[in-house]
């Protein structure tokens, strides 16, 4: 797995990997360089990675970009689309 740092500040950081079975493991990155690779052994597939899971680096301006998940996120998108379609339909009925 490739983990990339955006920005100019570099700090040592923990990275948590979540497996398909729900198991979690942590790795440590010294923060040197713009990226690092994490090796994972075993048949359990990695489905998510979280950089700084304990939010120890308080200088981080955007915690939203600290994770990646390969799991499908359809539920909220479906509701969003249904709401939009209802809005269009009601707009067509109105003046």
C-alpha atoms as a PDB file:
ATOM      1  CA  UNK A   1       0.000   0.000   0.000  1.00  0.00           C
ATOM      2  CA  UNK A   2       1.290   3.440  -0.926  1.00  0.00           C
ATOM      3  CA  UNK A   3       0.916   6.303   1.557  1.00  0.00           C
ATOM      4  CA  UNK A   4       1.666   9.796   0.277  1.00  0.00           C
ATOM      5  CA  UNK A   5       2.188  13.041   2.178  1.00  0.00           C
ATOM      6  CA  UNK A   6       0.943  16.298   0.705  1.00  0.00           C
ATOM      7  CA  UNK A   7       2.480  19.473   2.003  1.00  0.00           C
ATOM      8  CA  UNK A   8       5.878  20.492   3.291  1.00  0.00           C
ATOM      9  CA  UNK A   9       5.760  19.513   6.967  1.00  0.00           C
ATOM     10  CA  UNK A  10       6.934  16.029   7.854  1.00  0.00           C
ATOM     11  CA  UNK A  11       6.281  14.251  11.145  1.00  0.00           C
ATOM     12  CA  UNK A  12       6.584  10.681  12.341  1.00  0.00           C
ATOM     13  CA  UNK A  13       3.109   9.188  12.140  1.00  0.00           C
ATOM     14  CA  UNK A  14       1.168   5.989  12.809  1.00  0.00           C
ATOM     15  CA  UNK A  15      -0.822   4.338  10.040  1.00  0.00           C
ATOM     16  CA  UNK A  16      -3.647   1.950  10.808  1.00  0.00           C
ATOM     17  CA  UNK A  17      -4.647  -0.721   8.302  1.00  0.00           C
ATOM     18  CA  UNK A  18      -8.095  -2.289   8.480  1.00  0.00           C
ATOM     19  CA  UNK A  19      -8.624  -5.731   6.976  1.00  0.00           C
ATOM     20  CA  UNK A  20     -11.780  -7.168   5.416  1.00  0.00           C
ATOM     21  CA  UNK A  21     -12.250  -9.382   8.491  1.00  0.00           C
ATOM     22  CA  UNK A  22     -12.266  -6.315  10.772  1.00  0.00           C
ATOM     23  CA  UNK A  23      -8.761  -6.943  12.125  1.00  0.00           C
ATOM     24  CA  UNK A  24      -6.531  -3.907  12.450  1.00  0.00           C
ATOM     25  CA  UNK A  25      -2.781  -3.433  12.459  1.00  0.00           C
ATOM     26  CA  UNK A  26      -0.559  -0.417  12.877  1.00  0.00           C
ATOM     27  CA  UNK A  27       2.629   0.620  11.174  1.00  0.00           C
ATOM     28  CA  UNK A  28       4.943   3.557  11.835  1.00  0.00           C
ATOM     29  CA  UNK A  29       6.281   5.976   9.218  1.00  0.00           C
ATOM     30  CA  UNK A  30       9.122   8.346  10.070  1.00  0.00           C
ATOM     31  CA  UNK A  31       7.588  10.959   7.750  1.00  0.00           C
ATOM     32  CA  UNK A  32      10.730  11.337   5.683  1.00  0.00           C
ATOM     33  CA  UNK A  33      10.188  11.634   1.974  1.00  0.00           C
ATOM     34  CA  UNK A  34       6.920  12.331   0.183  1.00  0.00           C
ATOM     35  CA  UNK A  35       5.667   8.745   0.304  1.00  0.00           C
ATOM     36  CA  UNK A  36       6.207   5.315   1.760  1.00  0.00           C
ATOM     37  CA  UNK A  37       4.960   1.826   1.035  1.00  0.00           C
ATOM     38  CA  UNK A  38       3.485  -0.522   3.597  1.00  0.00           C
ATOM     39  CA  UNK A  39       3.728  -4.251   3.143  1.00  0.00           C
ATOM     40  CA  UNK A  40       0.912  -6.482   4.282  1.00  0.00           C
ATOM     41  CA  UNK A  41       1.252 -10.227   4.560  1.00  0.00           C
ATOM     42  CA  UNK A  42      -1.569 -12.717   4.641  1.00  0.00           C
ATOM     43  CA  UNK A  43      -4.703 -13.499   2.700  1.00  0.00           C
ATOM     44  CA  UNK A  44      -6.881 -10.940   4.488  1.00  0.00           C
ATOM     45  CA  UNK A  45      -7.438  -7.995   2.142  1.00  0.00           C
ATOM     46  CA  UNK A  46      -6.743  -4.412   3.302  1.00  0.00           C
ATOM     47  CA  UNK A  47      -9.943  -2.369   2.932  1.00  0.00           C
ATOM     48  CA  UNK A  48      -8.966   0.885   4.658  1.00  0.00           C
ATOM     49  CA  UNK A  49      -5.949   2.889   5.762  1.00  0.00           C
ATOM     50  CA  UNK A  50      -5.958   5.727   8.290  1.00  0.00           C
ATOM     51  CA  UNK A  51      -3.004   8.069   8.748  1.00  0.00           C
ATOM     52  CA  UNK A  52      -2.692   9.457  12.285  1.00  0.00           C
ATOM     53  CA  UNK A  53      -5.709   7.519  13.622  1.00  0.00           C
ATOM     54  CA  UNK A  54      -5.318   9.033  17.115  1.00  0.00           C
ATOM     55  CA  UNK A  55      -5.099  12.588  15.696  1.00  0.00           C
ATOM     56  CA  UNK A  56      -1.846  13.323  17.469  1.00  0.00           C
ATOM     57  CA  UNK A  57      -0.644  15.824  14.849  1.00  0.00           C
ATOM     58  CA  UNK A  58      -2.660  18.906  15.728  1.00  0.00           C
ATOM     59  CA  UNK A  59      -1.132  21.022  12.962  1.00  0.00           C
ATOM     60  CA  UNK A  60      -3.061  19.011  10.384  1.00  0.00           C
ATOM     61  CA  UNK A  61      -5.439  21.411   8.641  1.00  0.00           C
ATOM     62  CA  UNK A  62      -7.631  18.743   7.037  1.00  0.00           C
ATOM     63  CA  UNK A  63      -8.346  15.497   8.890  1.00  0.00           C
ATOM     64  CA  UNK A  64     -10.712  14.429   6.094  1.00  0.00           C
ATOM     65  CA  UNK A  65      -7.817  13.489   3.797  1.00  0.00           C
ATOM     66  CA  UNK A  66      -6.151  11.182   6.342  1.00  0.00           C
ATOM     67  CA  UNK A  67      -7.950   8.027   5.297  1.00  0.00           C
ATOM     68  CA  UNK A  68      -8.866   5.909   2.330  1.00  0.00           C
ATOM     69  CA  UNK A  69     -11.393   3.120   2.100  1.00  0.00           C
ATOM     70  CA  UNK A  70     -12.092   0.715  -0.717  1.00  0.00           C
ATOM     71  CA  UNK A  71     -15.455  -0.216   0.783  1.00  0.00           C
ATOM     72  CA  UNK A  72     -18.522   0.830  -1.181  1.00  0.00           C
ATOM     73  CA  UNK A  73     -20.300   3.930   0.074  1.00  0.00           C
ATOM     74  CA  UNK A  74     -23.622   3.653  -1.711  1.00  0.00           C
ATOM     75  CA  UNK A  75     -26.115   4.369   1.060  1.00  0.00           C
ATOM     76  CA  UNK A  76     -25.557   8.114   1.426  1.00  0.00           C
ATOM     77  CA  UNK A  77     -25.200   8.605  -2.342  1.00  0.00           C
ATOM     78  CA  UNK A  78     -28.502   6.816  -2.929  1.00  0.00           C
ATOM     79  CA  UNK A  79     -30.296   9.071  -0.445  1.00  0.00           C
ATOM     80  CA  UNK A  80     -28.657  12.123  -2.010  1.00  0.00           C
ATOM     81  CA  UNK A  81     -29.810  11.122  -5.492  1.00  0.00           C
ATOM     82  CA  UNK A  82     -33.334  10.289  -4.333  1.00  0.00           C
ATOM     83  CA  UNK A  83     -33.597  13.677  -2.644  1.00  0.00           C
ATOM     84  CA  UNK A  84     -32.404  15.408  -5.795  1.00  0.00           C
ATOM     85  CA  UNK A  85     -34.939  13.545  -7.951  1.00  0.00           C
ATOM     86  CA  UNK A  86     -37.735  14.435  -5.512  1.00  0.00           C
ATOM     87  CA  UNK A  87     -36.608  18.061  -5.685  1.00  0.00           C
ATOM     88  CA  UNK A  88     -36.739  18.022  -9.488  1.00  0.00           C
ATOM     89  CA  UNK A  89     -40.180  16.409  -9.468  1.00  0.00           C
ATOM     90  CA  UNK A  90     -41.611  18.906  -6.962  1.00  0.00           C
ATOM     91  CA  UNK A  91     -40.018  21.775  -8.866  1.00  0.00           C
ATOM     92  CA  UNK A  92     -41.775  20.648 -12.045  1.00  0.00           C
ATOM     93  CA  UNK A  93     -45.140  20.642 -10.238  1.00  0.00           C
ATOM     94  CA  UNK A  94     -44.738  24.089  -8.739  1.00  0.00           C
ATOM     95  CA  UNK A  95     -45.114  27.526 -10.371  1.00  0.00           C
END
